[in-house]
C-alpha atoms as a PDB file:
ATOM      1  CA  UNK A   1      98.123  89.014 116.199  1.00  0.00           C
ATOM      2  CA  UNK A   2      96.497  92.271 116.139  1.00  0.00           C
ATOM      3  CA  UNK A   3      94.232  93.959 114.310  1.00  0.00           C
ATOM      4  CA  UNK A   4      96.041  94.735 110.469  1.00  0.00           C
ATOM      5  CA  UNK A   5      93.597  97.342 108.602  1.00  0.00           C
ATOM      6  CA  UNK A   6      95.432  97.712 105.689  1.00  0.00           C
ATOM      7  CA  UNK A   7      94.675  96.401 102.422  1.00  0.00           C
ATOM      8  CA  UNK A   8      97.179  93.376 100.843  1.00  0.00           C
ATOM      9  CA  UNK A   9      97.980  95.047  97.917  1.00  0.00           C
ATOM     10  CA  UNK A  10      99.815  98.591  98.462  1.00  0.00           C
ATOM     11  CA  UNK A  11     100.533 100.576  96.035  1.00  0.00           C
ATOM     12  CA  UNK A  12     105.229 101.229  95.498  1.00  0.00           C
ATOM     13  CA  UNK A  13     106.706 104.580  96.210  1.00  0.00           C
ATOM     14  CA  UNK A  14     102.950 106.089  95.759  1.00  0.00           C
ATOM     15  CA  UNK A  15     101.958 105.007  91.962  1.00  0.00           C
ATOM     16  CA  UNK A  16     104.236 102.176  90.877  1.00  0.00           C
ATOM     17  CA  UNK A  17     105.870 102.110  86.981  1.00  0.00           C
ATOM     18  CA  UNK A  18     103.083 104.539  86.156  1.00  0.00           C
ATOM     19  CA  UNK A  19     104.501 107.829  87.282  1.00  0.00           C
ATOM     20  CA  UNK A  20     106.896 109.282  88.959  1.00  0.00           C
ATOM     21  CA  UNK A  21     107.956 107.923  91.859  1.00  0.00           C
ATOM     22  CA  UNK A  22     107.057 109.406  95.656  1.00  0.00           C
ATOM     23  CA  UNK A  23     105.631 112.221  93.944  1.00  0.00           C
ATOM     24  CA  UNK A  24     101.838 113.777  94.991  1.00  0.00           C
ATOM     25  CA  UNK A  25     100.914 112.951  90.842  1.00  0.00           C
ATOM     26  CA  UNK A  26     101.631 108.936  92.012  1.00  0.00           C
ATOM     27  CA  UNK A  27      99.860 109.138  94.465  1.00  0.00           C
ATOM     28  CA  UNK A  28      96.747 110.618  92.833  1.00  0.00           C
ATOM     29  CA  UNK A  29      97.139 108.186  90.153  1.00  0.00           C
ATOM     30  CA  UNK A  30      97.468 105.336  92.536  1.00  0.00           C
ATOM     31  CA  UNK A  31      94.236 106.828  94.278  1.00  0.00           C
ATOM     32  CA  UNK A  32      92.338 106.785  90.725  1.00  0.00           C
ATOM     33  CA  UNK A  33      92.648 103.360  90.137  1.00  0.00           C
ATOM     34  CA  UNK A  34      91.388 102.459  93.440  1.00  0.00           C
ATOM     35  CA  UNK A  35      94.472 101.651  95.187  1.00  0.00           C
ATOM     36  CA  UNK A  36      93.202 102.597  99.458  1.00  0.00           C
ATOM     37  CA  UNK A  37      97.507 102.604 100.488  1.00  0.00           C
ATOM     38  CA  UNK A  38     100.497 103.903  99.517  1.00  0.00           C
ATOM     39  CA  UNK A  39     103.909 103.195 100.125  1.00  0.00           C
ATOM     40  CA  UNK A  40     106.763 106.029  99.964  1.00  0.00           C
ATOM     41  CA  UNK A  41     110.120 107.111 101.239  1.00  0.00           C
ATOM     42  CA  UNK A  42     110.671 110.554 103.592  1.00  0.00           C
ATOM     43  CA  UNK A  43     114.100 111.964 104.220  1.00  0.00           C
ATOM     44  CA  UNK A  44     114.675 115.823 105.479  1.00  0.00           C
ATOM     45  CA  UNK A  45     116.214 118.431 103.326  1.00  0.00           C
ATOM     46  CA  UNK A  46     119.253 120.789 104.921  1.00  0.00           C
ATOM     47  CA  UNK A  47     116.374 122.562 107.193  1.00  0.00           C
ATOM     48  CA  UNK A  48     114.501 119.492 108.403  1.00  0.00           C
ATOM     49  CA  UNK A  49     111.916 119.696 105.920  1.00  0.00           C
ATOM     50  CA  UNK A  50     110.451 116.315 105.316  1.00  0.00           C
ATOM     51  CA  UNK A  51     110.435 115.281 101.925  1.00  0.00           C
ATOM     52  CA  UNK A  52     109.227 112.128  99.933  1.00  0.00           C
ATOM     53  CA  UNK A  53     112.935 111.102  97.756  1.00  0.00           C
ATOM     54  CA  UNK A  54     113.912 107.491  97.567  1.00  0.00           C
ATOM     55  CA  UNK A  55     117.946 108.277  96.882  1.00  0.00           C
ATOM     56  CA  UNK A  56     119.900 109.952  99.265  1.00  0.00           C
ATOM     57  CA  UNK A  57     121.146 111.846  96.064  1.00  0.00           C
ATOM     58  CA  UNK A  58     119.044 113.724  93.380  1.00  0.00           C
ATOM     59  CA  UNK A  59     120.065 113.248  90.521  1.00  0.00           C
ATOM     60  CA  UNK A  60     118.101 109.339  89.300  1.00  0.00           C
ATOM     61  CA  UNK A  61     114.816 111.500  89.804  1.00  0.00           C
ATOM     62  CA  UNK A  62     114.844 115.072  89.976  1.00  0.00           C
ATOM     63  CA  UNK A  63     117.017 118.036  88.379  1.00  0.00           C
ATOM     64  CA  UNK A  64     118.910 118.595  90.630  1.00  0.00           C
ATOM     65  CA  UNK A  65     122.080 117.394  91.675  1.00  0.00           C
ATOM     66  CA  UNK A  66     123.818 116.359  94.930  1.00  0.00           C
ATOM     67  CA  UNK A  67     122.450 115.040  98.656  1.00  0.00           C
ATOM     68  CA  UNK A  68     118.515 116.708  99.420  1.00  0.00           C
ATOM     69  CA  UNK A  69     120.423 116.859 102.808  1.00  0.00           C
ATOM     70  CA  UNK A  70     122.490 119.376 101.444  1.00  0.00           C
ATOM     71  CA  UNK A  71     119.641 121.624 100.075  1.00  0.00           C
ATOM     72  CA  UNK A  72     116.952 123.544 101.368  1.00  0.00           C
ATOM     73  CA  UNK A  73     113.701 122.796 101.316  1.00  0.00           C
ATOM     74  CA  UNK A  74     113.124 126.463  98.971  1.00  0.00           C
ATOM     75  CA  UNK A  75     115.888 125.135  96.223  1.00  0.00           C
ATOM     76  CA  UNK A  76     114.211 121.395  96.424  1.00  0.00           C
ATOM     77  CA  UNK A  77     110.668 122.246  95.496  1.00  0.00           C
ATOM     78  CA  UNK A  78     112.101 124.190  92.758  1.00  0.00           C
ATOM     79  CA  UNK A  79     113.190 120.924  91.500  1.00  0.00           C
ATOM     80  CA  UNK A  80     110.848 118.635  88.403  1.00  0.00           C
ATOM     81  CA  UNK A  81     110.634 115.764  89.931  1.00  0.00           C
ATOM     82  CA  UNK A  82     108.865 114.710  87.062  1.00  0.00           C
ATOM     83  CA  UNK A  83     110.369 114.568  83.546  1.00  0.00           C
ATOM     84  CA  UNK A  84     112.979 111.738  84.022  1.00  0.00           C
ATOM     85  CA  UNK A  85     109.605 109.189  84.145  1.00  0.00           C
ATOM     86  CA  UNK A  86     108.142 111.160  80.973  1.00  0.00           C
ATOM     87  CA  UNK A  87     106.923 114.350  79.386  1.00  0.00           C
ATOM     88  CA  UNK A  88     103.429 113.593  80.704  1.00  0.00           C
ATOM     89  CA  UNK A  89     104.717 114.562  84.248  1.00  0.00           C
ATOM     90  CA  UNK A  90     107.256 117.103  83.147  1.00  0.00           C
ATOM     91  CA  UNK A  91     107.587 119.737  86.085  1.00  0.00           C
ATOM     92  CA  UNK A  92     105.797 117.749  88.882  1.00  0.00           C
ATOM     93  CA  UNK A  93     107.387 119.124  91.797  1.00  0.00           C
ATOM     94  CA  UNK A  94     109.606 117.070  94.847  1.00  0.00           C
ATOM     95  CA  UNK A  95     106.536 116.362  97.706  1.00  0.00           C
ATOM     96  CA  UNK A  96     106.660 117.351 100.972  1.00  0.00           C
ATOM     97  CA  UNK A  97     105.221 115.120 103.380  1.00  0.00           C
ATOM     98  CA  UNK A  98     102.534 117.254 104.977  1.00  0.00           C
ATOM     99  CA  UNK A  99     101.183 117.540 101.358  1.00  0.00           C
ATOM    100  CA  UNK A 100     101.636 113.778 100.794  1.00  0.00           C
ATOM    101  CA  UNK A 101      99.473 113.500 103.919  1.00  0.00           C
ATOM    102  CA  UNK A 102      97.044 115.924 103.477  1.00  0.00           C
ATOM    103  CA  UNK A 103      96.200 114.108  99.896  1.00  0.00           C
ATOM    104  CA  UNK A 104      95.908 110.714 101.469  1.00  0.00           C
ATOM    105  CA  UNK A 105      94.060 111.799 104.552  1.00  0.00           C
ATOM    106  CA  UNK A 106      91.791 114.101 102.156  1.00  0.00           C
ATOM    107  CA  UNK A 107      90.750 110.851 100.201  1.00  0.00           C
ATOM    108  CA  UNK A 108      90.924 107.925 103.103  1.00  0.00           C
ATOM    109  CA  UNK A 109      93.527 105.892 102.035  1.00  0.00           C
ATOM    110  CA  UNK A 110      96.420 104.630 103.972  1.00  0.00           C
ATOM    111  CA  UNK A 111      99.928 105.430 104.515  1.00  0.00           C
ATOM    112  CA  UNK A 112     102.807 102.798 104.485  1.00  0.00           C
ATOM    113  CA  UNK A 113     105.987 105.241 105.440  1.00  0.00           C
ATOM    114  CA  UNK A 114     109.564 103.917 104.633  1.00  0.00           C
ATOM    115  CA  UNK A 115     111.805 106.377 106.699  1.00  0.00           C
ATOM    116  CA  UNK A 116     114.861 106.966 104.835  1.00  0.00           C
ATOM    117  CA  UNK A 117     117.673 108.507 106.464  1.00  0.00           C
ATOM    118  CA  UNK A 118     120.205 110.193 104.785  1.00  0.00           C
ATOM    119  CA  UNK A 119     123.336 108.328 106.350  1.00  0.00           C
ATOM    120  CA  UNK A 120     124.246 110.128 109.737  1.00  0.00           C
ATOM    121  CA  UNK A 121     120.767 111.476 110.342  1.00  0.00           C
ATOM    122  CA  UNK A 122     118.790 108.273 111.204  1.00  0.00           C
ATOM    123  CA  UNK A 123     117.833 109.645 114.762  1.00  0.00           C
ATOM    124  CA  UNK A 124     116.645 112.790 113.799  1.00  0.00           C
ATOM    125  CA  UNK A 125     114.882 111.792 110.902  1.00  0.00           C
ATOM    126  CA  UNK A 126     113.113 108.703 112.630  1.00  0.00           C
ATOM    127  CA  UNK A 127     112.281 111.480 115.401  1.00  0.00           C
ATOM    128  CA  UNK A 128     111.471 114.283 112.950  1.00  0.00           C
ATOM    129  CA  UNK A 129     108.729 111.862 111.140  1.00  0.00           C
ATOM    130  CA  UNK A 130     107.779 110.844 114.451  1.00  0.00           C
ATOM    131  CA  UNK A 131     106.697 114.139 115.458  1.00  0.00           C
ATOM    132  CA  UNK A 132     105.597 114.538 112.126  1.00  0.00           C
ATOM    133  CA  UNK A 133     103.143 111.992 111.295  1.00  0.00           C
ATOM    134  CA  UNK A 134     101.849 112.208 114.946  1.00  0.00           C
ATOM    135  CA  UNK A 135     100.373 115.443 114.455  1.00  0.00           C
ATOM    136  CA  UNK A 136      99.763 114.745 110.537  1.00  0.00           C
ATOM    137  CA  UNK A 137      97.122 111.710 111.525  1.00  0.00           C
ATOM    138  CA  UNK A 138      95.938 112.782 114.653  1.00  0.00           C
ATOM    139  CA  UNK A 139      92.807 111.542 114.958  1.00  0.00           C
ATOM    140  CA  UNK A 140      92.876 109.127 111.806  1.00  0.00           C
ATOM    141  CA  UNK A 141      90.684 106.510 111.844  1.00  0.00           C
ATOM    142  CA  UNK A 142      93.951 104.221 110.444  1.00  0.00           C
ATOM    143  CA  UNK A 143      96.871 104.845 111.375  1.00  0.00           C
ATOM    144  CA  UNK A 144     100.234 104.927 109.252  1.00  0.00           C
ATOM    145  CA  UNK A 145     102.435 102.201 109.174  1.00  0.00           C
ATOM    146  CA  UNK A 146     106.190 103.165 109.652  1.00  0.00           C
ATOM    147  CA  UNK A 147     109.058 100.743 108.230  1.00  0.00           C
ATOM    148  CA  UNK A 148     112.876 101.559 107.448  1.00  0.00           C
ATOM    149  CA  UNK A 149     116.299  99.495 106.969  1.00  0.00           C
ATOM    150  CA  UNK A 150     117.612 101.792 109.734  1.00  0.00           C
ATOM    151  CA  UNK A 151     116.957 100.349 113.120  1.00  0.00           C
ATOM    152  CA  UNK A 152     118.553 103.243 114.826  1.00  0.00           C
ATOM    153  CA  UNK A 153     115.765 105.564 113.116  1.00  0.00           C
ATOM    154  CA  UNK A 154     112.887 103.362 113.697  1.00  0.00           C
ATOM    155  CA  UNK A 155     113.750 103.171 117.245  1.00  0.00           C
ATOM    156  CA  UNK A 156     113.992 107.186 117.433  1.00  0.00           C
ATOM    157  CA  UNK A 157     110.361 106.981 115.827  1.00  0.00           C
ATOM    158  CA  UNK A 158     108.997 104.511 118.326  1.00  0.00           C
ATOM    159  CA  UNK A 159     110.579 106.532 121.302  1.00  0.00           C
ATOM    160  CA  UNK A 160     109.439 109.799 119.397  1.00  0.00           C
ATOM    161  CA  UNK A 161     105.463 108.236 118.577  1.00  0.00           C
ATOM    162  CA  UNK A 162     105.230 104.875 120.193  1.00  0.00           C
ATOM    163  CA  UNK A 163     101.403 104.685 118.980  1.00  0.00           C
ATOM    164  CA  UNK A 164     102.329 104.331 115.540  1.00  0.00           C
ATOM    165  CA  UNK A 165     102.978 100.567 114.087  1.00  0.00           C
ATOM    166  CA  UNK A 166     105.991  99.773 112.973  1.00  0.00           C
ATOM    167  CA  UNK A 167     107.709  96.902 110.786  1.00  0.00           C
ATOM    168  CA  UNK A 168     111.490  96.197 110.491  1.00  0.00           C
ATOM    169  CA  UNK A 169     112.455  96.211 106.670  1.00  0.00           C
ATOM    170  CA  UNK A 170     114.875  94.076 106.165  1.00  0.00           C
ATOM    171  CA  UNK A 171     116.474  92.696 102.649  1.00  0.00           C
ATOM    172  CA  UNK A 172     116.605  89.022 103.614  1.00  0.00           C
ATOM    173  CA  UNK A 173     115.174  88.002 106.977  1.00  0.00           C
ATOM    174  CA  UNK A 174     117.527  85.890 109.223  1.00  0.00           C
ATOM    175  CA  UNK A 175     117.063  84.505 113.007  1.00  0.00           C
ATOM    176  CA  UNK A 176     119.441  87.804 113.635  1.00  0.00           C
ATOM    177  CA  UNK A 177     116.435  89.555 113.195  1.00  0.00           C
ATOM    178  CA  UNK A 178     114.142  88.057 115.809  1.00  0.00           C
ATOM    179  CA  UNK A 179     115.764  90.732 118.657  1.00  0.00           C
ATOM    180  CA  UNK A 180     115.122  93.376 116.124  1.00  0.00           C
ATOM    181  CA  UNK A 181     111.446  93.058 115.727  1.00  0.00           C
ATOM    182  CA  UNK A 182     111.234  92.542 119.689  1.00  0.00           C
ATOM    183  CA  UNK A 183     113.126  95.655 120.137  1.00  0.00           C
ATOM    184  CA  UNK A 184     110.905  97.872 118.012  1.00  0.00           C
ATOM    185  CA  UNK A 185     107.428  96.258 118.972  1.00  0.00           C
ATOM    186  CA  UNK A 186     107.133  95.767 115.577  1.00  0.00           C
ATOM    187  CA  UNK A 187     103.457  94.169 114.517  1.00  0.00           C
ATOM    188  CA  UNK A 188     105.171  93.576 111.029  1.00  0.00           C
ATOM    189  CA  UNK A 189     108.386  92.374 108.961  1.00  0.00           C
ATOM    190  CA  UNK A 190     108.648  93.676 105.647  1.00  0.00           C
ATOM    191  CA  UNK A 191     111.640  92.098 103.130  1.00  0.00           C
ATOM    192  CA  UNK A 192     112.114  90.612 100.002  1.00  0.00           C
ATOM    193  CA  UNK A 193     110.094  88.289  98.495  1.00  0.00           C
ATOM    194  CA  UNK A 194     112.564  87.128  96.023  1.00  0.00           C
ATOM    195  CA  UNK A 195     114.767  85.939  99.137  1.00  0.00           C
ATOM    196  CA  UNK A 196     111.998  84.998 101.547  1.00  0.00           C
ATOM    197  CA  UNK A 197     111.308  81.185 103.051  1.00  0.00           C
ATOM    198  CA  UNK A 198     107.795  80.508 102.698  1.00  0.00           C
ATOM    199  CA  UNK A 199     108.530  78.182 105.585  1.00  0.00           C
ATOM    200  CA  UNK A 200     108.955  81.643 107.801  1.00  0.00           C
ATOM    201  CA  UNK A 201     105.150  82.709 106.977  1.00  0.00           C
ATOM    202  CA  UNK A 202     103.653  80.941 110.214  1.00  0.00           C
ATOM    203  CA  UNK A 203     106.655  81.221 111.919  1.00  0.00           C
ATOM    204  CA  UNK A 204     106.387  84.754 112.213  1.00  0.00           C
ATOM    205  CA  UNK A 205     102.962  84.865 112.647  1.00  0.00           C
ATOM    206  CA  UNK A 206     102.706  82.230 115.739  1.00  0.00           C
ATOM    207  CA  UNK A 207     105.010  85.658 117.216  1.00  0.00           C
ATOM    208  CA  UNK A 208     102.476  88.329 116.258  1.00  0.00           C
ATOM    209  CA  UNK A 209     104.448  89.633 113.061  1.00  0.00           C
ATOM    210  CA  UNK A 210     102.665  90.285 110.053  1.00  0.00           C
ATOM    211  CA  UNK A 211     104.554  89.550 106.613  1.00  0.00           C
ATOM    212  CA  UNK A 212     104.835  92.635 103.957  1.00  0.00           C
ATOM    213  CA  UNK A 213     107.018  91.506 101.263  1.00  0.00           C
ATOM    214  CA  UNK A 214     108.165  94.107  98.078  1.00  0.00           C
ATOM    215  CA  UNK A 215     108.512  94.648  95.078  1.00  0.00           C
ATOM    216  CA  UNK A 216     106.222  92.098  93.469  1.00  0.00           C
ATOM    217  CA  UNK A 217     104.751  92.753  89.916  1.00  0.00           C
ATOM    218  CA  UNK A 218     104.438  89.404  89.175  1.00  0.00           C
ATOM    219  CA  UNK A 219     100.548  88.411  89.467  1.00  0.00           C
ATOM    220  CA  UNK A 220     101.187  84.807  89.466  1.00  0.00           C
ATOM    221  CA  UNK A 221     104.206  84.674  91.817  1.00  0.00           C
ATOM    222  CA  UNK A 222     101.564  86.739  93.726  1.00  0.00           C
ATOM    223  CA  UNK A 223      98.765  84.346  93.527  1.00  0.00           C
ATOM    224  CA  UNK A 224     101.110  82.723  95.489  1.00  0.00           C
ATOM    225  CA  UNK A 225     102.376  84.341  97.826  1.00  0.00           C
ATOM    226  CA  UNK A 226      99.241  85.338  99.377  1.00  0.00           C
ATOM    227  CA  UNK A 227      98.188  81.537  99.261  1.00  0.00           C
ATOM    228  CA  UNK A 228     100.839  80.852 101.292  1.00  0.00           C
ATOM    229  CA  UNK A 229      99.349  83.390 103.738  1.00  0.00           C
ATOM    230  CA  UNK A 230     101.574  86.298 102.993  1.00  0.00           C
ATOM    231  CA  UNK A 231      99.375  89.589 104.818  1.00  0.00           C
ATOM    232  CA  UNK A 232     100.730  92.070 102.461  1.00  0.00           C
ATOM    233  CA  UNK A 233     102.954  93.075  98.905  1.00  0.00           C
ATOM    234  CA  UNK A 234     104.083  96.153  97.420  1.00  0.00           C
ATOM    235  CA  UNK A 235     103.670  96.761  93.929  1.00  0.00           C
ATOM    236  CA  UNK A 236     105.011  98.428  91.129  1.00  0.00           C
ATOM    237  CA  UNK A 237     102.358  96.983  88.248  1.00  0.00           C
ATOM    238  CA  UNK A 238      99.233  98.993  89.617  1.00  0.00           C
ATOM    239  CA  UNK A 239      97.137  98.420  86.309  1.00  0.00           C
ATOM    240  CA  UNK A 240      97.311  94.292  86.373  1.00  0.00           C
ATOM    241  CA  UNK A 241      97.201  94.120  90.275  1.00  0.00           C
ATOM    242  CA  UNK A 242      94.234  96.373  90.147  1.00  0.00           C
ATOM    243  CA  UNK A 243      92.898  93.884  87.654  1.00  0.00           C
ATOM    244  CA  UNK A 244      93.707  90.637  89.487  1.00  0.00           C
ATOM    245  CA  UNK A 245      92.796  91.559  92.451  1.00  0.00           C
ATOM    246  CA  UNK A 246      90.012  94.483  93.002  1.00  0.00           C
ATOM    247  CA  UNK A 247      89.036  93.271  96.263  1.00  0.00           C
ATOM    248  CA  UNK A 248      92.617  93.726  98.306  1.00  0.00           C
ATOM    249  CA  UNK A 249      93.644  96.818  96.570  1.00  0.00           C
END
């Protein structure tokens, strides 16, 4: 298998459950706790600015309404993306991909970038994220790792930035995914730990693929999965995992 420079425990959506997801505040919190790698979601605004946001719509994690893809960046960055989580983070803005990249690189921390296109914008989002990632991480010691549930988006990223490694992200791994892994030139499989058969770990390793599982919040479950040979876990439980696995974050 190819070299694997990423920590085995990754902070999910920046700061897990301790901060508003996909914000600079979340990344800063994870960094302060010692995490060396952060996962986050990237999609496009109406004017093609790459932003950090999980959902297609804004209601759950911001004071906005409707689709992020229907709003320009100027309007999006004025929204409050923190008060839904707690008063402590009231006024935290929507983060741009550029600012997140700058923050990560300035602290020598790594990125797991989930390309999260608004439906219908798959290829455009993959292309744009690929272009920006090449620009922001040019010369970096460790490149980001792309992942996506969108095969089209990942293929567009592959075409645009073939040197950035890719992971195929699926809700449940089946034999139908072998061809997708091959077509993508993927380095890893990312899937739901609750639906994953550990007997697939050696099968994937034998073909050169790493195994990343989401979202593992129970320390005992994490110990078992790591012992079985899983290469990495995404967690929302940053505090307990930092205490249990200080050498793996």
